[in-house]
Structures are given as structure tokens and as C-alpha cells.
Amino acid sequence: MLNIFERTLPSDHPKQSTPYDSIGTVYVKIGKYSDALWYCEKALEIDQKAFSPKHHNFGHFYNNIGIIYRNLGNYSEALLNFEKAFEIDRKVLHSNHPNFALLHLNIGTVCRTLGEYPKALSYHEDSLKIRQNSLPPTHFNFATSYAELGNLYFNMNTYTKALSFYKKELEIDEKNITFKSSSFTNA
């Protein structure tokens, strides 16, 4: 697809950002973070030339770049990109949009890794509240929120709370596995 776009469209045409972003996402999945970073930054660069700074794609791109930096262990760059994504999405999406839950979760995870536990707790609790207001209670994304809260409380040596959140994570995972298994066998 990228080859077709490169041959038929100008190099800065906004339709070219999507395949660059997709390729970057694949590189993240296979652990080639330097390649992923190049493609995701290229996607962002293309859209920056085509759209206003408030365009919703930028939040997505900055989030992806933040994930790459987090995976590379560069937490300050990860946090910077997650915060850029947050500021953009705050202006273009409603406050209960699931992207906000993801951004809160990503920021909270970096803060936990940096040992900024009160800040991490605030972001993780906000993520959970957004998910509670925008998703059904058995949605698989709740498992991630519960796991991150469990990890945070574990790091804070508050093992009873950690255990409580890990059990909630397991409950959601079991419901989703059961649902997927029954759906698969009925297909």
C-alpha cells in the first residue's frame, strides 16, 4: 500500500501517514523499536504539514511514539509524548472517550515506573473512572486498568490492595476468555 501511495501521491500527502503509522505499529509488535519510531515519526511529520495542530490524528501519533519510548526505557520522552497526546485529545474528544482512559493509563504507568506513586495513582484512578463511564463492566480493558492498579499497589508495598486489583483483573480476564471460547465454538 505504501508503495502505491509513494508512486501516486506527493510525499507529504496526508493519506501517506496511515501506512507509515501501520508499519510503525507492526514494528512495535515485533520489538523493532528504532524502526517503529522512524515510521511513526514520519506519519506525524506528514500530518503536521497537512493539518492544524488540533487534528485528532496527532494525539494518536504522540501516544504511539510515547509507547515506543516507554518500550525503549526512555521514560522522560515517553511521558512528554503521552502528555502531548493528552493535551491534543483533551481539545478534540469528549471527556469520557476511551482514548482518555488509555492516555491516563499510559501516563500512570510511566509515573509508576519513575516511582511517582501519588501521581501514578491519580492517573490510574482517572483511567478507571473513564472506563466505568464509557465501557461495559466486563470489557477487557478493565483488566488492564486493574492490573496497573495492582502493580502500583504492589510497588507501594500495599499488598492487600494489590491482591484485590489482581483478583479483579483475573475475574475480567476469565469472563472474556469464557465469552471468546463460547463465541468461537458457536461460530
C-alpha atoms as a PDB file:
ATOM      1  CA  MET A   1       0.000   0.000   0.000  1.00  0.00           C
ATOM      2  CA  LEU A   2       2.793   2.420   0.918  1.00  0.00           C
ATOM      3  CA  ASN A   3       4.480   1.791  -2.427  1.00  0.00           C
ATOM      4  CA  ILE A   4       1.270   2.663  -4.268  1.00  0.00           C
ATOM      5  CA  PHE A   5       0.869   5.879  -2.284  1.00  0.00           C
ATOM      6  CA  GLU A   6       4.519   6.801  -2.787  1.00  0.00           C
ATOM      7  CA  ARG A   7       4.176   6.361  -6.563  1.00  0.00           C
ATOM      8  CA  THR A   8       0.837   8.144  -6.965  1.00  0.00           C
ATOM      9  CA  LEU A   9       0.720  10.861  -4.285  1.00  0.00           C
ATOM     10  CA  PRO A  10       3.028  13.699  -3.258  1.00  0.00           C
ATOM     11  CA  SER A  11       5.400  12.674  -0.450  1.00  0.00           C
ATOM     12  CA  ASP A  12       3.595  14.896   2.073  1.00  0.00           C
ATOM     13  CA  HIS A  13       0.021  13.864   1.179  1.00  0.00           C
ATOM     14  CA  PRO A  14      -1.919  13.041   4.368  1.00  0.00           C
ATOM     15  CA  LYS A  15      -3.042   9.650   3.035  1.00  0.00           C
ATOM     16  CA  GLN A  16       0.574   8.551   3.327  1.00  0.00           C
ATOM     17  CA  SER A  17       0.560   8.903   7.113  1.00  0.00           C
ATOM     18  CA  THR A  18      -1.702   5.873   7.619  1.00  0.00           C
ATOM     19  CA  PRO A  19       0.587   3.233   6.084  1.00  0.00           C
ATOM     20  CA  TYR A  20       3.608   4.742   7.867  1.00  0.00           C
ATOM     21  CA  ASP A  21       1.724   4.521  11.151  1.00  0.00           C
ATOM     22  CA  SER A  22       0.620   0.944  10.398  1.00  0.00           C
ATOM     23  CA  ILE A  23       4.159  -0.148   9.589  1.00  0.00           C
ATOM     24  CA  GLY A  24       5.375   1.506  12.783  1.00  0.00           C
ATOM     25  CA  THR A  25       2.743  -0.364  14.771  1.00  0.00           C
ATOM     26  CA  VAL A  26       3.893  -3.688  13.332  1.00  0.00           C
ATOM     27  CA  TYR A  27       7.497  -2.878  14.212  1.00  0.00           C
ATOM     28  CA  VAL A  28       6.377  -2.194  17.802  1.00  0.00           C
ATOM     29  CA  LYS A  29       4.666  -5.590  17.935  1.00  0.00           C
ATOM     30  CA  ILE A  30       7.818  -7.391  16.800  1.00  0.00           C
ATOM     31  CA  GLY A  31      10.112  -5.368  19.052  1.00  0.00           C
ATOM     32  CA  LYS A  32      11.944  -3.329  16.404  1.00  0.00           C
ATOM     33  CA  TYR A  33      11.537  -0.039  18.228  1.00  0.00           C
ATOM     34  CA  SER A  34      14.044   2.045  16.262  1.00  0.00           C
ATOM     35  CA  ASP A  35      12.245   1.186  13.015  1.00  0.00           C
ATOM     36  CA  ALA A  36       8.879   1.758  14.695  1.00  0.00           C
ATOM     37  CA  LEU A  37       9.967   5.173  15.888  1.00  0.00           C
ATOM     38  CA  TRP A  38      11.119   6.232  12.431  1.00  0.00           C
ATOM     39  CA  TYR A  39       7.820   5.220  10.778  1.00  0.00           C
ATOM     40  CA  CYS A  40       5.599   6.722  13.480  1.00  0.00           C
ATOM     41  CA  GLU A  41       7.536   9.987  13.477  1.00  0.00           C
ATOM     42  CA  LYS A  42       7.272  10.065   9.672  1.00  0.00           C
ATOM     43  CA  ALA A  43       3.475   9.644   9.928  1.00  0.00           C
ATOM     44  CA  LEU A  44       3.333  12.519  12.415  1.00  0.00           C
ATOM     45  CA  GLU A  45       5.545  14.702  10.212  1.00  0.00           C
ATOM     46  CA  ILE A  46       3.305  14.134   7.180  1.00  0.00           C
ATOM     47  CA  ASP A  47       0.145  15.069   9.061  1.00  0.00           C
ATOM     48  CA  GLN A  48       1.786  18.108  10.683  1.00  0.00           C
ATOM     49  CA  LYS A  49       2.282  19.537   7.199  1.00  0.00           C
ATOM     50  CA  ALA A  50      -1.314  18.839   6.182  1.00  0.00           C
ATOM     51  CA  PHE A  51      -3.467  19.584   9.223  1.00  0.00           C
ATOM     52  CA  SER A  52      -3.910  22.117  12.006  1.00  0.00           C
ATOM     53  CA  PRO A  53      -2.210  21.350  15.354  1.00  0.00           C
ATOM     54  CA  LYS A  54      -5.588  20.379  16.829  1.00  0.00           C
ATOM     55  CA  HIS A  55      -6.156  17.471  14.419  1.00  0.00           C
ATOM     56  CA  HIS A  56      -7.169  14.273  16.215  1.00  0.00           C
ATOM     57  CA  ASN A  57      -4.506  12.175  14.436  1.00  0.00           C
ATOM     58  CA  PHE A  58      -1.768  13.914  16.399  1.00  0.00           C
ATOM     59  CA  GLY A  59      -2.978  12.513  19.712  1.00  0.00           C
ATOM     60  CA  HIS A  60      -2.853   9.022  18.243  1.00  0.00           C
ATOM     61  CA  PHE A  61       0.638   9.523  16.815  1.00  0.00           C
ATOM     62  CA  TYR A  62       2.056  11.034  20.003  1.00  0.00           C
ATOM     63  CA  ASN A  63       0.570   8.162  22.027  1.00  0.00           C
ATOM     64  CA  ASN A  64       2.210   5.613  19.726  1.00  0.00           C
ATOM     65  CA  ILE A  65       5.546   7.424  19.915  1.00  0.00           C
ATOM     66  CA  GLY A  66       5.207   7.515  23.705  1.00  0.00           C
ATOM     67  CA  ILE A  67       4.669   3.743  23.759  1.00  0.00           C
ATOM     68  CA  ILE A  68       7.826   3.254  21.694  1.00  0.00           C
ATOM     69  CA  TYR A  69       9.898   5.429  24.026  1.00  0.00           C
ATOM     70  CA  ARG A  70       8.445   3.592  27.040  1.00  0.00           C
ATOM     71  CA  ASN A  71       9.451   0.279  25.485  1.00  0.00           C
ATOM     72  CA  LEU A  72      12.929   1.683  24.852  1.00  0.00           C
ATOM     73  CA  GLY A  73      13.164   2.684  28.531  1.00  0.00           C
ATOM     74  CA  ASN A  74      13.281   6.409  27.741  1.00  0.00           C
ATOM     75  CA  TYR A  75      10.590   7.381  30.221  1.00  0.00           C
ATOM     76  CA  SER A  76      11.045  11.140  30.034  1.00  0.00           C
ATOM     77  CA  GLU A  77      10.418  11.094  26.258  1.00  0.00           C
ATOM     78  CA  ALA A  78       7.531   8.675  26.740  1.00  0.00           C
ATOM     79  CA  LEU A  79       5.923  10.980  29.295  1.00  0.00           C
ATOM     80  CA  LEU A  80       6.476  14.021  27.083  1.00  0.00           C
ATOM     81  CA  ASN A  81       4.708  12.333  24.148  1.00  0.00           C
ATOM     82  CA  PHE A  82       1.862  10.969  26.272  1.00  0.00           C
ATOM     83  CA  GLU A  83       1.282  14.451  27.676  1.00  0.00           C
ATOM     84  CA  LYS A  84       1.254  15.945  24.161  1.00  0.00           C
ATOM     85  CA  ALA A  85      -1.318  13.334  23.144  1.00  0.00           C
ATOM     86  CA  PHE A  86      -3.358  14.120  26.229  1.00  0.00           C
ATOM     87  CA  GLU A  87      -3.420  17.863  25.539  1.00  0.00           C
ATOM     88  CA  ILE A  88      -4.485  17.348  21.935  1.00  0.00           C
ATOM     89  CA  ASP A  89      -7.159  14.749  22.689  1.00  0.00           C
ATOM     90  CA  ARG A  90      -8.497  16.891  25.541  1.00  0.00           C
ATOM     91  CA  LYS A  91      -9.331  19.556  22.962  1.00  0.00           C
ATOM     92  CA  VAL A  92     -10.870  17.333  20.294  1.00  0.00           C
ATOM     93  CA  LEU A  93     -12.570  14.456  22.153  1.00  0.00           C
ATOM     94  CA  HIS A  94     -15.230  14.297  24.864  1.00  0.00           C
ATOM     95  CA  SER A  95     -14.009  13.695  28.420  1.00  0.00           C
ATOM     96  CA  ASN A  96     -15.289  10.097  28.622  1.00  0.00           C
ATOM     97  CA  HIS A  97     -13.719   8.985  25.356  1.00  0.00           C
ATOM     98  CA  PRO A  98     -11.836   5.673  25.766  1.00  0.00           C
ATOM     99  CA  ASN A  99      -8.669   7.311  24.387  1.00  0.00           C
ATOM    100  CA  PHE A 100      -8.504   9.381  27.556  1.00  0.00           C
ATOM    101  CA  ALA A 101      -8.583   6.233  29.646  1.00  0.00           C
ATOM    102  CA  LEU A 102      -5.681   4.864  27.613  1.00  0.00           C
ATOM    103  CA  LEU A 103      -3.665   8.077  27.915  1.00  0.00           C
ATOM    104  CA  HIS A 104      -4.275   8.259  31.662  1.00  0.00           C
ATOM    105  CA  LEU A 105      -3.187   4.640  31.927  1.00  0.00           C
ATOM    106  CA  ASN A 106      -0.032   5.220  29.867  1.00  0.00           C
ATOM    107  CA  ILE A 107       0.947   8.306  31.870  1.00  0.00           C
ATOM    108  CA  GLY A 108       0.220   6.496  35.131  1.00  0.00           C
ATOM    109  CA  THR A 109       2.352   3.537  34.087  1.00  0.00           C
ATOM    110  CA  VAL A 110       5.335   5.770  33.329  1.00  0.00           C
ATOM    111  CA  CYS A 111       4.851   7.643  36.606  1.00  0.00           C
ATOM    112  CA  ARG A 112       4.774   4.308  38.474  1.00  0.00           C
ATOM    113  CA  THR A 113       7.965   3.224  36.735  1.00  0.00           C
ATOM    114  CA  LEU A 114       9.597   6.512  37.767  1.00  0.00           C
ATOM    115  CA  GLY A 115       8.479   5.987  41.378  1.00  0.00           C
ATOM    116  CA  GLU A 116       5.991   8.876  41.298  1.00  0.00           C
ATOM    117  CA  TYR A 117       3.317   6.829  43.040  1.00  0.00           C
ATOM    118  CA  PRO A 118       0.801   9.539  44.055  1.00  0.00           C
ATOM    119  CA  LYS A 119       0.778  10.926  40.506  1.00  0.00           C
ATOM    120  CA  ALA A 120       0.503   7.398  39.072  1.00  0.00           C
ATOM    121  CA  LEU A 121      -2.410   6.614  41.392  1.00  0.00           C
ATOM    122  CA  SER A 122      -4.282   9.726  40.283  1.00  0.00           C
ATOM    123  CA  TYR A 123      -3.868   8.858  36.599  1.00  0.00           C
ATOM    124  CA  HIS A 124      -4.815   5.204  37.083  1.00  0.00           C
ATOM    125  CA  GLU A 125      -7.911   6.085  39.094  1.00  0.00           C
ATOM    126  CA  ASP A 126      -8.959   8.595  36.409  1.00  0.00           C
ATOM    127  CA  SER A 127      -8.424   5.935  33.734  1.00  0.00           C
ATOM    128  CA  LEU A 128     -10.639   3.515  35.624  1.00  0.00           C
ATOM    129  CA  LYS A 129     -13.381   6.150  36.111  1.00  0.00           C
ATOM    130  CA  ILE A 130     -13.409   6.969  32.398  1.00  0.00           C
ATOM    131  CA  ARG A 131     -13.683   3.293  31.532  1.00  0.00           C
ATOM    132  CA  GLN A 132     -16.508   2.870  34.049  1.00  0.00           C
ATOM    133  CA  ASN A 133     -18.364   5.724  32.324  1.00  0.00           C
ATOM    134  CA  SER A 134     -17.734   4.605  28.761  1.00  0.00           C
ATOM    135  CA  LEU A 135     -17.436   0.816  28.629  1.00  0.00           C
ATOM    136  CA  PRO A 136     -19.499  -2.181  29.739  1.00  0.00           C
ATOM    137  CA  PRO A 137     -18.304  -3.543  33.115  1.00  0.00           C
ATOM    138  CA  THR A 138     -16.843  -6.746  31.660  1.00  0.00           C
ATOM    139  CA  HIS A 139     -14.900  -5.055  28.866  1.00  0.00           C
ATOM    140  CA  PHE A 140     -11.375  -6.463  28.572  1.00  0.00           C
ATOM    141  CA  ASN A 141      -9.803  -3.001  29.035  1.00  0.00           C
ATOM    142  CA  PHE A 142     -10.850  -3.127  32.690  1.00  0.00           C
ATOM    143  CA  ALA A 143      -8.399  -5.984  33.194  1.00  0.00           C
ATOM    144  CA  THR A 144      -5.563  -3.687  32.124  1.00  0.00           C
ATOM    145  CA  SER A 145      -6.707  -0.935  34.499  1.00  0.00           C
ATOM    146  CA  TYR A 146      -6.965  -3.395  37.385  1.00  0.00           C
ATOM    147  CA  ALA A 147      -3.570  -4.904  36.565  1.00  0.00           C
ATOM    148  CA  GLU A 148      -1.895  -1.485  36.524  1.00  0.00           C
ATOM    149  CA  LEU A 149      -3.516  -0.533  39.832  1.00  0.00           C
ATOM    150  CA  GLY A 150      -2.376  -3.883  41.228  1.00  0.00           C
ATOM    151  CA  ASN A 151       1.166  -3.224  40.003  1.00  0.00           C
ATOM    152  CA  LEU A 152       1.137   0.231  41.560  1.00  0.00           C
ATOM    153  CA  TYR A 153      -0.068  -1.007  44.946  1.00  0.00           C
ATOM    154  CA  PHE A 154       2.443  -3.848  44.771  1.00  0.00           C
ATOM    155  CA  ASN A 155       5.247  -1.329  44.167  1.00  0.00           C
ATOM    156  CA  MET A 156       3.943   0.695  47.110  1.00  0.00           C
ATOM    157  CA  ASN A 157       4.107  -2.460  49.321  1.00  0.00           C
ATOM    158  CA  THR A 158       0.332  -2.312  49.810  1.00  0.00           C
ATOM    159  CA  TYR A 159      -0.162  -5.974  49.084  1.00  0.00           C
ATOM    160  CA  THR A 160      -3.783  -6.328  50.211  1.00  0.00           C
ATOM    161  CA  LYS A 161      -4.909  -3.683  47.721  1.00  0.00           C
ATOM    162  CA  ALA A 162      -2.627  -5.126  45.050  1.00  0.00           C
ATOM    163  CA  LEU A 163      -4.181  -8.553  45.557  1.00  0.00           C
ATOM    164  CA  SER A 164      -7.684  -7.090  45.356  1.00  0.00           C
ATOM    165  CA  PHE A 165      -6.964  -5.465  41.983  1.00  0.00           C
ATOM    166  CA  TYR A 166      -5.196  -8.555  40.641  1.00  0.00           C
ATOM    167  CA  LYS A 167      -8.284 -10.621  41.543  1.00  0.00           C
ATOM    168  CA  LYS A 168     -10.499  -8.134  39.669  1.00  0.00           C
ATOM    169  CA  GLU A 169      -8.157  -8.418  36.695  1.00  0.00           C
ATOM    170  CA  LEU A 170      -8.441 -12.219  36.791  1.00  0.00           C
ATOM    171  CA  GLU A 171     -12.232 -12.041  37.025  1.00  0.00           C
ATOM    172  CA  ILE A 172     -12.470  -9.838  33.925  1.00  0.00           C
ATOM    173  CA  ASP A 173      -9.975 -11.994  32.042  1.00  0.00           C
ATOM    174  CA  GLU A 174     -11.924 -15.160  32.898  1.00  0.00           C
ATOM    175  CA  LYS A 175     -15.187 -13.615  31.708  1.00  0.00           C
ATOM    176  CA  ASN A 176     -13.625 -12.532  28.443  1.00  0.00           C
ATOM    177  CA  ILE A 177     -11.909 -15.868  27.859  1.00  0.00           C
ATOM    178  CA  THR A 178     -15.169 -17.699  28.553  1.00  0.00           C
ATOM    179  CA  PHE A 179     -17.027 -15.371  26.206  1.00  0.00           C
ATOM    180  CA  LYS A 180     -14.427 -15.750  23.464  1.00  0.00           C
ATOM    181  CA  SER A 181     -14.336 -19.508  23.877  1.00  0.00           C
ATOM    182  CA  SER A 182     -18.112 -19.857  23.687  1.00  0.00           C
ATOM    183  CA  SER A 183     -18.272 -17.459  20.752  1.00  0.00           C
ATOM    184  CA  PHE A 184     -15.597 -19.368  18.920  1.00  0.00           C
ATOM    185  CA  THR A 185     -17.246 -22.766  19.379  1.00  0.00           C
ATOM    186  CA  ASN A 186     -20.608 -21.417  18.223  1.00  0.00           C
ATOM    187  CA  ALA A 187     -19.177 -19.892  15.076  1.00  0.00           C
END
